[in-house]
Amino acid sequence: MSVCEITLSANAGIALQFGSLRMWSDALHTEKVPGFSTVSPALAQAIRRDPHFAAPDLIFYTHCHPDHYSRALTEEAAARYPMAELVLPRQEFRHQLLLTGREMGPNLCGVSLRFRRLVHEGEQYAAVPHYGCLLERRGFRILLPGDCAIANPELADFAGETPVDLLAVDFPWVTLRRGREFIEEQLRPRRLLIYHLPFREDNDWGYRELTAKAARQMSIPDIRLLMDPLHTEVYE
């Protein structure tokens, strides 16, 4: 039996099956940034049909940048799945959990969830409300830092002294040496998942190849890349 399954929508958007919890993180967005991908109308239709994206318990956004969040698609998903909990760091809906303060920590479907405010990468985005998420079930911990500033000591504090079982990061954490060193020396994950990569047709700057090459320089035994729409990784 799998511990968790993760399926890509686009960029850092995923559906996470963790025990009985079905969670979407940054899964719905429609604005295409040059060099990256987004949820096209065709992909949105495919997501609606894909069983990995069926009936979420939780729809979570690390932040509300348009390459991570679409209000229109989220409204549609909330109407389709009215029992899903909406969690955002900006007040967008009447019925949502507003992430505020340094840390919040609900439990859902037998999973402990902790949300921690983390500085977004890039000085121009330092004031953007942005939260990472740490999930734990039966001793297995998954860390989703979102667009956290690379090598931010606050992330190591959030992760704690025990190595996380699965860390999912944007690809610049791996292509930049300081990101790789921070992962291996401070976070020490047992498994590493890399995303926020463009689809093949949008790979104008060769990020896919650069990331695969950089990942081979790391000593973590289980490193995987999410690069294609609806690509699923299963962790035993």
Protein backbone atom coordinates (compact mmCIF):
# COMPACT_ATOMS: atom_id res chain seq x y z
CA MET A 1 0.00 0.00 0.00
CA SER A 2 1.33 3.46 -0.89
CA VAL A 3 2.14 6.03 1.77
CA CYS A 4 1.24 8.87 -0.56
CA GLU A 5 0.61 9.69 -4.21
CA ILE A 6 1.31 13.03 -5.89
CA THR A 7 -0.08 14.10 -9.27
CA LEU A 8 0.95 17.24 -11.17
CA SER A 9 -1.44 19.78 -12.65
CA ALA A 10 1.06 22.47 -13.78
CA ASN A 11 3.93 24.45 -12.24
CA ALA A 12 3.87 23.60 -8.50
CA GLY A 13 0.25 22.46 -8.62
CA ILE A 14 -0.38 19.00 -7.22
CA ALA A 15 -3.03 16.64 -5.95
CA LEU A 16 -1.75 14.81 -2.87
CA GLN A 17 -3.30 11.60 -1.57
CA PHE A 18 -1.96 11.05 1.96
CA GLY A 19 -3.81 8.40 3.91
CA SER A 20 -7.48 9.32 3.58
CA LEU A 21 -6.66 13.00 2.95
CA ARG A 22 -7.07 14.31 -0.58
CA MET A 23 -5.39 17.69 -0.86
CA TRP A 24 -4.79 20.07 -3.75
CA SER A 25 -1.91 22.51 -3.41
CA ASP A 26 -1.53 25.43 -5.87
CA ALA A 27 -3.30 23.21 -8.38
CA LEU A 28 -5.51 25.69 -10.25
CA HIS A 29 -4.13 28.62 -12.21
CA THR A 30 -4.56 29.94 -15.74
CA GLU A 31 -2.05 32.75 -16.30
CA LYS A 32 0.88 31.67 -18.44
CA VAL A 33 4.23 33.17 -17.46
CA PRO A 34 6.92 33.14 -20.20
CA GLY A 35 9.04 30.02 -19.92
CA PHE A 36 6.53 28.18 -17.75
CA SER A 37 3.21 26.38 -18.14
CA THR A 38 -0.29 26.68 -16.76
CA VAL A 39 -3.64 24.91 -16.63
CA SER A 40 -5.00 25.28 -20.14
CA PRO A 41 -8.72 24.71 -20.84
CA ALA A 42 -7.84 21.25 -22.18
CA LEU A 43 -5.82 20.40 -19.08
CA ALA A 44 -8.59 21.73 -16.84
CA GLN A 45 -10.99 19.31 -18.52
CA ALA A 46 -8.50 16.46 -18.05
CA ILE A 47 -8.10 17.35 -14.36
CA ARG A 48 -11.88 17.14 -13.88
CA ARG A 49 -11.80 13.59 -15.26
CA ASP A 50 -8.64 12.38 -13.53
CA PRO A 51 -9.33 10.20 -10.47
CA HIS A 52 -6.31 11.63 -8.65
CA PHE A 53 -8.10 15.00 -8.59
CA ALA A 54 -11.44 13.59 -7.46
CA ALA A 55 -13.29 15.04 -4.44
CA PRO A 56 -10.59 16.94 -2.52
CA ASP A 57 -10.93 17.38 1.21
CA LEU A 58 -8.67 20.43 1.13
CA ILE A 59 -7.82 23.03 -1.53
CA PHE A 60 -4.76 24.96 -0.38
CA TYR A 61 -2.78 27.82 -1.90
CA THR A 62 0.66 28.78 -0.63
CA HIS A 63 0.05 32.27 -2.05
CA CYS A 64 -2.14 33.97 -4.61
CA HIS A 65 0.25 34.74 -7.44
CA PRO A 66 -1.43 34.02 -10.78
CA ASP A 67 0.98 31.20 -11.67
CA HIS A 68 -0.29 29.40 -8.55
CA TYR A 69 -3.90 30.53 -8.10
CA SER A 70 -6.98 31.22 -10.21
CA ARG A 71 -10.05 32.56 -8.45
CA ALA A 72 -12.33 31.47 -11.29
CA LEU A 73 -11.13 27.85 -11.31
CA THR A 74 -11.19 27.75 -7.52
CA GLU A 75 -14.78 29.01 -7.44
CA GLU A 76 -15.70 26.31 -9.91
CA ALA A 77 -13.96 23.63 -7.86
CA ALA A 78 -15.61 24.86 -4.65
CA ALA A 79 -19.02 24.63 -6.31
CA ARG A 80 -18.27 21.12 -7.56
CA TYR A 81 -16.86 19.99 -4.20
CA PRO A 82 -18.72 22.02 -1.54
CA MET A 83 -17.33 19.90 1.30
CA ALA A 84 -13.73 20.81 0.45
CA GLU A 85 -11.97 23.11 2.91
CA LEU A 86 -10.49 26.20 1.23
CA VAL A 87 -7.23 27.45 2.75
CA LEU A 88 -5.59 30.64 1.45
CA PRO A 89 -3.43 33.44 2.87
CA ARG A 90 -5.77 36.06 1.38
CA GLN A 91 -9.48 36.54 2.03
CA GLU A 92 -11.09 35.43 -1.23
CA PHE A 93 -14.17 33.46 -0.21
CA ARG A 94 -16.78 33.73 2.52
CA HIS A 95 -16.23 30.14 3.60
CA GLN A 96 -12.47 29.65 3.80
CA LEU A 97 -9.72 29.31 6.37
CA LEU A 98 -7.65 32.49 6.21
CA LEU A 99 -3.99 31.83 6.89
CA THR A 100 -2.72 34.58 9.14
CA GLY A 101 -0.01 35.07 11.72
CA ARG A 102 3.20 33.06 11.92
CA GLU A 103 1.72 29.57 12.13
CA MET A 104 -1.58 27.72 12.09
CA GLY A 105 -2.16 24.01 12.59
CA PRO A 106 -5.48 22.23 11.90
CA ASN A 107 -5.96 18.47 11.71
CA LEU A 108 -7.95 16.91 8.88
CA CYS A 109 -8.71 13.29 7.95
CA GLY A 110 -6.20 11.99 10.46
CA VAL A 111 -3.40 14.18 9.10
CA SER A 112 -1.67 16.91 11.09
CA LEU A 113 -1.23 20.04 8.98
CA ARG A 114 0.93 22.98 10.00
CA PHE A 115 1.07 26.14 7.93
CA ARG A 116 4.01 28.51 8.49
CA ARG A 117 4.47 31.96 6.99
CA LEU A 118 7.65 31.92 4.90
CA VAL A 119 9.27 34.72 2.91
CA HIS A 120 8.67 34.40 -0.84
CA GLU A 121 11.72 34.20 -3.09
CA GLY A 122 12.73 37.59 -4.54
CA GLU A 123 13.02 40.89 -2.70
CA GLN A 124 10.13 42.34 -4.69
CA TYR A 125 7.82 39.65 -3.26
CA ALA A 126 9.02 39.71 0.36
CA ALA A 127 5.75 41.22 1.62
CA VAL A 128 3.49 38.75 -0.21
CA PRO A 129 1.49 36.57 2.23
CA HIS A 130 3.01 33.15 1.59
CA TYR A 131 2.77 29.92 3.59
CA GLY A 132 4.48 26.56 3.49
CA CYS A 133 2.83 23.39 4.72
CA LEU A 134 4.13 20.49 6.80
CA LEU A 135 1.96 17.36 6.84
CA GLU A 136 2.40 14.40 9.16
CA ARG A 137 0.63 11.07 9.39
CA ARG A 138 1.86 8.07 11.37
CA GLY A 139 5.35 9.55 11.60
CA PHE A 140 5.69 10.24 7.85
CA ARG A 141 6.28 13.95 7.18
CA ILE A 142 5.85 15.87 3.92
CA LEU A 143 7.16 19.42 3.53
CA LEU A 144 5.76 21.79 0.86
CA PRO A 145 7.68 25.10 1.04
CA GLY A 146 5.91 26.71 -1.94
CA ASP A 147 7.94 29.60 -3.39
CA CYS A 148 9.91 30.04 -0.16
CA ALA A 149 13.12 32.07 -0.43
CA ILE A 150 15.92 29.66 -1.25
CA ALA A 151 18.03 28.66 1.76
CA ASN A 152 15.74 30.53 4.16
CA PRO A 153 16.71 29.50 7.75
CA GLU A 154 13.04 29.82 8.76
CA LEU A 155 12.30 26.77 6.61
CA ALA A 156 14.86 24.67 8.49
CA ASP A 157 13.25 25.79 11.75
CA PHE A 158 9.82 24.82 10.41
CA ALA A 159 11.04 21.38 9.30
CA GLY A 160 12.61 20.69 12.69
CA GLU A 161 15.65 18.63 13.56
CA THR A 162 14.27 15.34 12.27
CA PRO A 163 14.76 14.83 8.51
CA VAL A 164 11.52 15.07 6.56
CA ASP A 165 10.43 11.97 4.68
CA LEU A 166 9.46 13.86 1.52
CA LEU A 167 10.42 17.37 0.44
CA ALA A 168 8.79 18.92 -2.65
CA VAL A 169 10.59 22.01 -4.00
CA ASP A 170 10.64 24.38 -6.96
CA PHE A 171 13.44 23.48 -9.35
CA PRO A 172 15.74 26.50 -8.60
CA TRP A 173 16.45 24.90 -5.22
CA VAL A 174 18.26 22.21 -7.19
CA THR A 175 19.81 24.20 -10.04
CA LEU A 176 21.39 26.66 -7.57
CA ARG A 177 24.29 25.33 -5.53
CA ARG A 178 23.23 27.11 -2.35
CA GLY A 179 19.79 25.50 -2.66
CA ARG A 180 21.26 22.01 -3.06
CA GLU A 181 23.58 22.53 -0.10
CA PHE A 182 20.75 23.80 2.11
CA ILE A 183 18.59 20.81 1.22
CA GLU A 184 21.32 18.29 1.92
CA GLU A 185 22.83 19.94 5.00
CA GLN A 186 19.83 21.57 6.70
CA LEU A 187 16.66 19.75 5.59
CA ARG A 188 18.18 16.30 4.89
CA PRO A 189 15.08 14.79 3.28
CA ARG A 190 14.83 11.07 2.68
CA ARG A 191 13.05 11.71 -0.62
CA LEU A 192 13.09 14.76 -2.89
CA LEU A 193 10.43 15.74 -5.43
CA ILE A 194 11.16 18.60 -7.83
CA TYR A 195 8.50 20.61 -9.69
CA HIS A 196 7.49 24.04 -11.05
CA LEU A 197 9.11 22.95 -14.31
CA PRO A 198 7.70 23.87 -17.73
CA PHE A 199 6.03 21.28 -19.89
CA ARG A 200 8.05 20.09 -22.86
CA GLU A 201 6.42 22.55 -25.26
CA ASP A 202 7.21 25.50 -22.96
CA ASN A 203 10.79 24.53 -22.17
CA ASP A 204 12.25 27.59 -23.91
CA TRP A 205 15.20 28.01 -21.55
CA GLY A 206 16.12 24.37 -20.99
CA TYR A 207 15.05 24.21 -17.36
CA ARG A 208 14.06 20.56 -17.64
CA GLU A 209 17.51 19.44 -18.78
CA LEU A 210 19.36 21.74 -16.34
CA THR A 211 17.33 20.43 -13.42
CA ALA A 212 17.84 16.77 -14.33
CA LYS A 213 21.59 17.38 -14.59
CA ALA A 214 21.74 19.26 -11.27
CA ALA A 215 19.72 16.57 -9.48
CA ARG A 216 22.37 14.00 -10.40
CA GLN A 217 24.86 15.97 -8.31
CA MET A 218 22.87 15.37 -5.13
CA SER A 219 23.38 12.48 -2.72
CA ILE A 220 19.71 11.94 -1.80
CA PRO A 221 18.88 8.39 -2.94
CA ASP A 222 15.29 9.02 -4.08
CA ILE A 223 14.98 12.09 -6.32
CA ARG A 224 12.10 12.46 -8.75
CA LEU A 225 10.97 15.19 -11.15
CA LEU A 226 7.37 16.14 -11.94
CA MET A 227 7.47 17.57 -15.46
CA ASP A 228 4.39 16.52 -17.41
CA PRO A 229 0.66 17.13 -16.87
CA LEU A 230 -1.05 14.50 -14.70
CA HIS A 231 2.26 12.75 -14.06
CA THR A 232 1.85 10.72 -10.84
CA GLU A 233 4.52 9.60 -8.40
CA VAL A 234 3.74 6.91 -5.84
CA TYR A 235 5.70 6.60 -2.60
CA GLU A 236 5.64 3.25 -0.83
